[in-house]
């Protein structure tokens, strides 16, 4: 969501706006966990207002389960990423367990990282889960556009 308000990277703003417009138009449905809600609650007021104004019919609300907590811990235990990235791990675990099509983020250090994505998916496979796509908004919109 922060990409919408990034004054230093106008191309990132444009890609993020395109993604959120697809959500508003009902072309993409998002999964919003209580983990995301906590991040939004800590965000600047304009981000909170934007999130609150998204159509409820295009959001699936999810609560962080014990299963997702355990999978997130596995990412850390298997050295995919450090403990300081637990929240990111929880986003990925929730998406994996709920069988989301993708995790969408601009966090290219911890999440949309070509060196880490296969490691997240190795843990998923070891734990009996399917592969999860982890993409930037731009990457998702390229895939989404190709499918429509």
N, C-alpha and C. Protein backbone atom coordinates (compact mmCIF):
# COMPACT_ATOMS: atom_id res chain seq x y z
N UNK A 1 0.81 -1.18 0.00
CA UNK A 1 0.00 0.00 0.00
C UNK A 1 0.86 1.25 0.00
N UNK A 2 2.02 1.17 0.63
CA UNK A 2 2.89 2.34 0.73
C UNK A 2 3.35 2.83 -0.64
N UNK A 3 3.37 1.95 -1.63
CA UNK A 3 3.79 2.33 -2.97
C UNK A 3 2.91 3.40 -3.59
N UNK A 4 1.68 3.52 -3.11
CA UNK A 4 0.76 4.54 -3.62
C UNK A 4 1.23 5.94 -3.27
N UNK A 5 2.01 6.03 -2.23
CA UNK A 5 2.36 7.35 -1.68
C UNK A 5 3.86 7.59 -1.68
N UNK A 6 4.57 6.94 -2.57
CA UNK A 6 6.03 7.03 -2.64
C UNK A 6 6.43 8.18 -3.58
N UNK A 7 6.72 9.34 -2.99
CA UNK A 7 7.06 10.54 -3.77
C UNK A 7 8.37 10.39 -4.54
N UNK A 8 9.24 9.48 -4.12
CA UNK A 8 10.56 9.35 -4.73
C UNK A 8 10.58 8.41 -5.94
N UNK A 9 9.54 7.62 -6.11
CA UNK A 9 9.52 6.64 -7.19
C UNK A 9 8.18 6.70 -7.92
N UNK A 10 8.01 7.65 -8.84
CA UNK A 10 6.72 7.79 -9.53
C UNK A 10 6.27 6.54 -10.29
N UNK A 11 7.23 5.76 -10.83
CA UNK A 11 6.82 4.55 -11.55
C UNK A 11 6.22 3.53 -10.59
N UNK A 12 6.73 3.50 -9.37
CA UNK A 12 6.18 2.61 -8.36
C UNK A 12 4.76 3.03 -8.00
N UNK A 13 4.55 4.34 -7.91
CA UNK A 13 3.21 4.86 -7.62
C UNK A 13 2.24 4.43 -8.73
N UNK A 14 2.65 4.59 -9.97
CA UNK A 14 1.78 4.24 -11.10
C UNK A 14 1.42 2.75 -11.09
N UNK A 15 2.39 1.89 -10.85
CA UNK A 15 2.13 0.45 -10.81
C UNK A 15 1.21 0.09 -9.64
N UNK A 16 1.44 0.73 -8.51
CA UNK A 16 0.63 0.46 -7.32
C UNK A 16 -0.79 0.95 -7.53
N UNK A 17 -0.94 2.11 -8.12
CA UNK A 17 -2.29 2.63 -8.41
C UNK A 17 -3.04 1.68 -9.35
N UNK A 18 -2.35 1.15 -10.34
CA UNK A 18 -2.98 0.21 -11.27
C UNK A 18 -3.47 -1.05 -10.54
N UNK A 19 -2.63 -1.54 -9.63
CA UNK A 19 -3.00 -2.71 -8.83
C UNK A 19 -4.26 -2.42 -7.99
N UNK A 20 -4.23 -1.31 -7.24
CA UNK A 20 -5.36 -1.00 -6.36
C UNK A 20 -6.62 -0.68 -7.15
N UNK A 21 -6.47 -0.10 -8.33
CA UNK A 21 -7.65 0.15 -9.17
C UNK A 21 -8.28 -1.18 -9.59
N UNK A 22 -7.46 -2.17 -9.87
CA UNK A 22 -7.98 -3.50 -10.22
C UNK A 22 -8.73 -4.10 -9.03
N UNK A 23 -8.25 -3.84 -7.81
CA UNK A 23 -8.96 -4.31 -6.61
C UNK A 23 -10.30 -3.58 -6.50
N UNK A 24 -10.28 -2.26 -6.63
CA UNK A 24 -11.50 -1.46 -6.53
C UNK A 24 -12.52 -1.88 -7.59
N UNK A 25 -12.03 -2.17 -8.79
CA UNK A 25 -12.91 -2.58 -9.89
C UNK A 25 -13.39 -4.03 -9.76
N UNK A 26 -12.90 -4.75 -8.77
CA UNK A 26 -13.32 -6.13 -8.56
C UNK A 26 -12.62 -7.13 -9.44
N UNK A 27 -11.56 -6.74 -10.10
CA UNK A 27 -10.80 -7.65 -10.95
C UNK A 27 -9.84 -8.50 -10.13
N UNK A 28 -9.47 -7.99 -8.97
CA UNK A 28 -8.58 -8.69 -8.04
C UNK A 28 -9.22 -8.64 -6.66
N UNK A 29 -9.22 -9.76 -5.98
CA UNK A 29 -9.69 -9.82 -4.59
C UNK A 29 -8.47 -9.98 -3.70
N UNK A 30 -8.43 -9.24 -2.62
CA UNK A 30 -7.28 -9.35 -1.71
C UNK A 30 -7.67 -10.11 -0.45
N UNK A 31 -6.67 -10.72 0.14
CA UNK A 31 -6.81 -11.34 1.45
C UNK A 31 -6.18 -10.38 2.44
N UNK A 32 -6.97 -9.93 3.39
CA UNK A 32 -6.49 -8.98 4.39
C UNK A 32 -6.54 -9.65 5.76
N UNK A 33 -5.38 -9.94 6.27
CA UNK A 33 -5.29 -10.61 7.58
C UNK A 33 -5.25 -9.57 8.69
N UNK A 34 -5.40 -10.06 9.90
CA UNK A 34 -5.24 -9.16 11.04
C UNK A 34 -3.80 -8.67 11.15
N UNK A 35 -2.85 -9.39 10.55
CA UNK A 35 -1.46 -8.93 10.51
C UNK A 35 -1.39 -7.67 9.64
N UNK A 36 -2.01 -7.70 8.47
CA UNK A 36 -2.05 -6.52 7.61
C UNK A 36 -2.79 -5.39 8.31
N UNK A 37 -3.89 -5.70 8.95
CA UNK A 37 -4.67 -4.68 9.67
C UNK A 37 -3.81 -3.98 10.71
N UNK A 38 -2.97 -4.72 11.41
CA UNK A 38 -2.07 -4.12 12.39
C UNK A 38 -1.09 -3.16 11.75
N UNK A 39 -0.59 -3.53 10.57
CA UNK A 39 0.32 -2.64 9.85
C UNK A 39 -0.39 -1.38 9.38
N UNK A 40 -1.62 -1.55 8.89
CA UNK A 40 -2.40 -0.39 8.45
C UNK A 40 -2.70 0.53 9.63
N UNK A 41 -3.04 -0.05 10.76
CA UNK A 41 -3.33 0.75 11.95
C UNK A 41 -2.13 1.59 12.38
N UNK A 42 -0.92 1.10 12.10
CA UNK A 42 0.31 1.83 12.46
C UNK A 42 0.77 2.78 11.35
N UNK A 43 0.10 2.75 10.22
CA UNK A 43 0.50 3.56 9.06
C UNK A 43 -0.05 4.99 9.20
N UNK A 44 0.46 5.90 8.37
CA UNK A 44 -0.09 7.27 8.37
C UNK A 44 -1.60 7.26 8.08
N UNK A 45 -2.25 8.30 8.52
CA UNK A 45 -3.72 8.38 8.42
C UNK A 45 -4.22 8.24 6.98
N UNK A 46 -3.52 8.81 6.00
CA UNK A 46 -4.00 8.71 4.61
C UNK A 46 -3.98 7.26 4.11
N UNK A 47 -3.06 6.46 4.61
CA UNK A 47 -3.02 5.04 4.25
C UNK A 47 -4.20 4.32 4.90
N UNK A 48 -4.47 4.64 6.17
CA UNK A 48 -5.61 4.03 6.86
C UNK A 48 -6.92 4.36 6.15
N UNK A 49 -7.08 5.61 5.76
CA UNK A 49 -8.31 6.03 5.08
C UNK A 49 -8.46 5.30 3.74
N UNK A 50 -7.37 5.19 2.99
CA UNK A 50 -7.41 4.49 1.72
C UNK A 50 -7.88 3.05 1.94
N UNK A 51 -7.27 2.36 2.90
CA UNK A 51 -7.60 0.96 3.16
C UNK A 51 -9.06 0.82 3.60
N UNK A 52 -9.51 1.72 4.46
CA UNK A 52 -10.89 1.67 4.96
C UNK A 52 -11.91 1.88 3.86
N UNK A 53 -11.53 2.58 2.79
CA UNK A 53 -12.46 2.88 1.70
C UNK A 53 -12.47 1.82 0.59
N UNK A 54 -11.67 0.78 0.74
CA UNK A 54 -11.71 -0.31 -0.25
C UNK A 54 -13.03 -1.05 -0.13
N UNK A 55 -13.60 -1.48 -1.25
CA UNK A 55 -14.88 -2.20 -1.20
C UNK A 55 -14.74 -3.52 -0.42
N UNK A 56 -15.57 -3.68 0.58
CA UNK A 56 -15.52 -4.90 1.41
C UNK A 56 -15.73 -6.16 0.58
N UNK A 57 -16.51 -6.05 -0.49
CA UNK A 57 -16.80 -7.23 -1.32
C UNK A 57 -15.56 -7.73 -2.06
N UNK A 58 -14.49 -6.93 -2.07
CA UNK A 58 -13.27 -7.33 -2.77
C UNK A 58 -12.15 -7.70 -1.80
N UNK A 59 -12.55 -7.90 -0.53
CA UNK A 59 -11.58 -8.25 0.52
C UNK A 59 -12.06 -9.50 1.24
N UNK A 60 -11.16 -10.45 1.39
CA UNK A 60 -11.44 -11.61 2.23
C UNK A 60 -10.67 -11.42 3.53
N UNK A 61 -11.37 -11.32 4.63
CA UNK A 61 -10.74 -11.08 5.94
C UNK A 61 -10.33 -12.42 6.55
N UNK A 62 -9.07 -12.47 7.03
CA UNK A 62 -8.50 -13.69 7.59
C UNK A 62 -7.84 -13.36 8.92
N UNK A 63 -7.96 -14.27 9.87
CA UNK A 63 -7.29 -14.14 11.16
C UNK A 63 -6.05 -15.04 11.15
N UNK A 64 -4.97 -14.55 11.71
CA UNK A 64 -3.73 -15.33 11.81
C UNK A 64 -3.99 -16.59 12.64
N UNK A 65 -3.84 -17.73 12.01
CA UNK A 65 -4.09 -19.00 12.68
C UNK A 65 -2.80 -19.55 13.30
N UNK A 66 -2.97 -20.54 14.16
CA UNK A 66 -1.81 -21.22 14.74
C UNK A 66 -1.00 -21.90 13.63
N UNK A 67 -1.70 -22.45 12.65
CA UNK A 67 -1.04 -23.11 11.53
C UNK A 67 -0.14 -22.11 10.79
N UNK A 68 -0.64 -20.90 10.56
CA UNK A 68 0.15 -19.88 9.86
C UNK A 68 1.32 -19.42 10.73
N UNK A 69 1.10 -19.30 12.03
CA UNK A 69 2.19 -18.93 12.94
C UNK A 69 3.31 -19.97 12.87
N UNK A 70 2.92 -21.23 12.87
CA UNK A 70 3.91 -22.32 12.83
C UNK A 70 4.68 -22.32 11.51
N UNK A 71 3.98 -22.12 10.40
CA UNK A 71 4.66 -22.08 9.11
C UNK A 71 5.61 -20.88 9.05
N UNK A 72 5.19 -19.76 9.54
CA UNK A 72 6.05 -18.57 9.56
C UNK A 72 7.32 -18.84 10.37
N UNK A 73 7.16 -19.51 11.48
CA UNK A 73 8.32 -19.86 12.30
C UNK A 73 9.26 -20.82 11.56
N UNK A 74 8.70 -21.69 10.73
CA UNK A 74 9.53 -22.60 9.95
C UNK A 74 10.42 -21.85 8.96
N UNK A 75 9.89 -20.78 8.36
CA UNK A 75 10.72 -19.97 7.46
C UNK A 75 11.95 -19.44 8.20
N UNK A 76 11.74 -19.03 9.43
CA UNK A 76 12.85 -18.51 10.24
C UNK A 76 13.76 -19.64 10.69
N UNK A 77 13.17 -20.73 11.18
CA UNK A 77 13.96 -21.87 11.65
C UNK A 77 14.82 -22.48 10.54
N UNK A 78 14.33 -22.42 9.30
CA UNK A 78 15.07 -22.98 8.15
C UNK A 78 15.98 -21.93 7.50
N UNK A 79 16.15 -20.81 8.20
CA UNK A 79 17.08 -19.75 7.77
C UNK A 79 16.75 -19.13 6.42
N UNK A 80 15.47 -19.09 6.08
CA UNK A 80 15.07 -18.36 4.88
C UNK A 80 15.28 -16.88 5.12
N UNK A 81 15.01 -16.47 6.35
CA UNK A 81 15.08 -15.05 6.73
C UNK A 81 15.24 -14.97 8.25
N UNK A 82 15.65 -13.81 8.73
CA UNK A 82 15.88 -13.64 10.17
C UNK A 82 14.61 -13.35 10.95
N UNK A 83 14.73 -13.46 12.27
CA UNK A 83 13.59 -13.27 13.18
C UNK A 83 12.97 -11.88 13.07
N UNK A 84 13.75 -10.90 12.67
CA UNK A 84 13.21 -9.54 12.57
C UNK A 84 12.17 -9.42 11.46
N UNK A 85 12.06 -10.42 10.61
CA UNK A 85 11.10 -10.40 9.50
C UNK A 85 9.91 -11.31 9.76
N UNK A 86 9.58 -11.53 11.02
CA UNK A 86 8.46 -12.41 11.36
C UNK A 86 7.15 -11.97 10.72
N UNK A 87 6.89 -10.67 10.71
CA UNK A 87 5.64 -10.19 10.11
C UNK A 87 5.57 -10.55 8.63
N UNK A 88 6.68 -10.38 7.91
CA UNK A 88 6.71 -10.76 6.50
C UNK A 88 6.46 -12.25 6.34
N UNK A 89 7.06 -13.04 7.20
CA UNK A 89 6.85 -14.49 7.17
C UNK A 89 5.38 -14.84 7.40
N UNK A 90 4.74 -14.11 8.28
CA UNK A 90 3.33 -14.37 8.55
C UNK A 90 2.46 -14.05 7.34
N UNK A 91 2.78 -12.96 6.64
CA UNK A 91 2.04 -12.65 5.41
C UNK A 91 2.16 -13.81 4.42
N UNK A 92 3.37 -14.30 4.24
CA UNK A 92 3.60 -15.39 3.28
C UNK A 92 2.91 -16.67 3.74
N UNK A 93 3.00 -16.96 5.03
CA UNK A 93 2.37 -18.17 5.56
C UNK A 93 0.85 -18.11 5.41
N UNK A 94 0.25 -16.98 5.72
CA UNK A 94 -1.20 -16.83 5.58
C UNK A 94 -1.61 -17.05 4.13
N UNK A 95 -0.88 -16.42 3.21
CA UNK A 95 -1.19 -16.57 1.79
C UNK A 95 -1.04 -18.02 1.35
N UNK A 96 -0.01 -18.69 1.84
CA UNK A 96 0.22 -20.09 1.48
C UNK A 96 -0.93 -20.96 1.98
N UNK A 97 -1.27 -20.82 3.23
CA UNK A 97 -2.29 -21.68 3.84
C UNK A 97 -3.68 -21.42 3.27
N UNK A 98 -3.96 -20.18 2.92
CA UNK A 98 -5.27 -19.86 2.35
C UNK A 98 -5.32 -20.10 0.84
N UNK A 99 -4.18 -20.56 0.30
CA UNK A 99 -4.08 -20.85 -1.14
C UNK A 99 -4.34 -19.63 -2.01
N UNK A 100 -3.80 -18.50 -1.56
CA UNK A 100 -3.88 -17.28 -2.36
C UNK A 100 -3.10 -17.49 -3.65
N UNK A 101 -3.46 -16.74 -4.66
CA UNK A 101 -2.72 -16.83 -5.92
C UNK A 101 -1.32 -16.25 -5.79
N UNK A 102 -1.18 -15.22 -4.95
CA UNK A 102 0.13 -14.57 -4.81
C UNK A 102 0.17 -13.69 -3.57
N UNK A 103 1.37 -13.43 -3.12
CA UNK A 103 1.66 -12.38 -2.15
C UNK A 103 2.13 -11.20 -2.99
N UNK A 104 1.59 -10.01 -2.72
CA UNK A 104 1.97 -8.83 -3.48
C UNK A 104 2.59 -7.82 -2.53
N UNK A 105 3.82 -7.40 -2.87
CA UNK A 105 4.55 -6.50 -1.98
C UNK A 105 5.63 -5.76 -2.76
N UNK A 106 6.03 -4.62 -2.23
CA UNK A 106 7.21 -3.92 -2.75
C UNK A 106 8.43 -4.24 -1.89
N UNK A 107 8.30 -5.11 -0.91
CA UNK A 107 9.43 -5.46 -0.05
C UNK A 107 10.33 -6.45 -0.78
N UNK A 108 11.25 -5.89 -1.55
CA UNK A 108 12.13 -6.72 -2.39
C UNK A 108 13.33 -7.27 -1.64
N UNK A 109 13.55 -6.80 -0.43
CA UNK A 109 14.65 -7.35 0.37
C UNK A 109 14.25 -8.67 1.03
N UNK A 110 13.06 -8.69 1.62
CA UNK A 110 12.67 -9.84 2.43
C UNK A 110 11.65 -10.76 1.77
N UNK A 111 10.81 -10.19 0.91
CA UNK A 111 9.72 -10.99 0.35
C UNK A 111 9.89 -11.25 -1.15
N UNK A 112 9.85 -10.20 -1.95
CA UNK A 112 9.94 -10.35 -3.41
C UNK A 112 11.42 -10.36 -3.79
N UNK A 113 12.08 -11.37 -3.30
CA UNK A 113 13.53 -11.49 -3.46
C UNK A 113 13.80 -12.82 -4.18
N UNK A 114 14.38 -12.74 -5.39
CA UNK A 114 14.56 -13.97 -6.16
C UNK A 114 15.43 -15.03 -5.49
N UNK A 115 16.24 -14.63 -4.51
CA UNK A 115 17.03 -15.61 -3.78
C UNK A 115 16.24 -16.25 -2.64
N UNK A 116 15.26 -15.54 -2.11
CA UNK A 116 14.48 -16.06 -0.98
C UNK A 116 13.23 -16.83 -1.41
N UNK A 117 12.61 -16.41 -2.50
CA UNK A 117 11.34 -17.03 -2.91
C UNK A 117 11.46 -18.55 -3.03
N UNK A 118 12.49 -19.09 -3.69
CA UNK A 118 12.60 -20.56 -3.75
C UNK A 118 12.76 -21.19 -2.36
N UNK A 119 13.39 -20.46 -1.45
CA UNK A 119 13.56 -21.00 -0.09
C UNK A 119 12.24 -21.03 0.67
N UNK A 120 11.42 -19.97 0.51
CA UNK A 120 10.08 -20.02 1.11
C UNK A 120 9.32 -21.23 0.56
N UNK A 121 9.41 -21.42 -0.74
CA UNK A 121 8.67 -22.52 -1.36
C UNK A 121 9.25 -23.89 -1.02
N UNK A 122 10.55 -23.98 -0.76
CA UNK A 122 11.14 -25.24 -0.28
C UNK A 122 10.53 -25.61 1.07
N UNK A 123 10.42 -24.62 1.96
CA UNK A 123 9.81 -24.87 3.27
C UNK A 123 8.34 -25.27 3.08
N UNK A 124 7.64 -24.55 2.20
CA UNK A 124 6.24 -24.91 1.95
C UNK A 124 6.12 -26.36 1.51
N UNK A 125 6.98 -26.77 0.59
CA UNK A 125 6.94 -28.15 0.10
C UNK A 125 7.25 -29.14 1.22
N UNK A 126 8.28 -28.84 2.02
CA UNK A 126 8.64 -29.72 3.14
C UNK A 126 7.50 -29.87 4.13
N UNK A 127 6.70 -28.82 4.27
CA UNK A 127 5.60 -28.83 5.24
C UNK A 127 4.27 -29.28 4.61
N UNK A 128 4.32 -29.66 3.33
CA UNK A 128 3.13 -30.18 2.68
C UNK A 128 2.22 -29.14 2.05
N UNK A 129 2.74 -27.96 1.81
CA UNK A 129 1.95 -26.89 1.19
C UNK A 129 2.39 -26.68 -0.25
N UNK A 130 1.54 -25.98 -0.99
CA UNK A 130 1.83 -25.68 -2.38
C UNK A 130 2.78 -24.47 -2.47
N UNK A 131 3.27 -24.29 -3.67
CA UNK A 131 4.12 -23.15 -3.99
C UNK A 131 3.28 -21.87 -3.93
N UNK A 132 3.90 -20.77 -3.50
CA UNK A 132 3.23 -19.47 -3.49
C UNK A 132 4.03 -18.51 -4.37
N UNK A 133 3.32 -17.76 -5.18
CA UNK A 133 3.96 -16.71 -5.98
C UNK A 133 4.13 -15.49 -5.09
N UNK A 134 5.27 -14.84 -5.18
CA UNK A 134 5.54 -13.62 -4.43
C UNK A 134 6.00 -12.59 -5.45
N UNK A 135 5.17 -11.56 -5.64
CA UNK A 135 5.35 -10.63 -6.75
C UNK A 135 5.21 -9.18 -6.31
N UNK A 136 5.81 -8.28 -7.09
CA UNK A 136 5.53 -6.86 -6.92
C UNK A 136 4.17 -6.57 -7.56
N UNK A 137 3.55 -5.44 -7.23
CA UNK A 137 2.30 -5.09 -7.92
C UNK A 137 2.46 -5.08 -9.44
N UNK A 138 3.58 -4.56 -9.92
CA UNK A 138 3.81 -4.51 -11.35
C UNK A 138 3.87 -5.92 -11.95
N UNK A 139 4.59 -6.83 -11.31
CA UNK A 139 4.68 -8.20 -11.80
C UNK A 139 3.30 -8.86 -11.83
N UNK A 140 2.51 -8.65 -10.79
CA UNK A 140 1.18 -9.24 -10.75
C UNK A 140 0.32 -8.69 -11.87
N UNK A 141 0.38 -7.39 -12.09
CA UNK A 141 -0.45 -6.79 -13.13
C UNK A 141 -0.02 -7.27 -14.50
N UNK A 142 1.26 -7.52 -14.71
CA UNK A 142 1.70 -8.08 -15.99
C UNK A 142 1.12 -9.48 -16.19
N UNK A 143 1.14 -10.30 -15.16
CA UNK A 143 0.58 -11.65 -15.24
C UNK A 143 -0.93 -11.55 -15.40
N UNK A 144 -1.56 -10.71 -14.59
CA UNK A 144 -3.02 -10.56 -14.63
C UNK A 144 -3.47 -10.06 -16.00
N UNK A 145 -2.75 -9.11 -16.57
CA UNK A 145 -3.09 -8.57 -17.89
C UNK A 145 -2.95 -9.66 -18.96
N UNK A 146 -1.94 -10.48 -18.82
CA UNK A 146 -1.71 -11.55 -19.80
C UNK A 146 -2.82 -12.59 -19.75
N UNK A 147 -3.44 -12.75 -18.58
CA UNK A 147 -4.50 -13.75 -18.42
C UNK A 147 -5.86 -13.24 -18.82
N UNK A 148 -6.03 -11.92 -18.93
CA UNK A 148 -7.35 -11.36 -19.26
C UNK A 148 -7.48 -11.06 -20.72
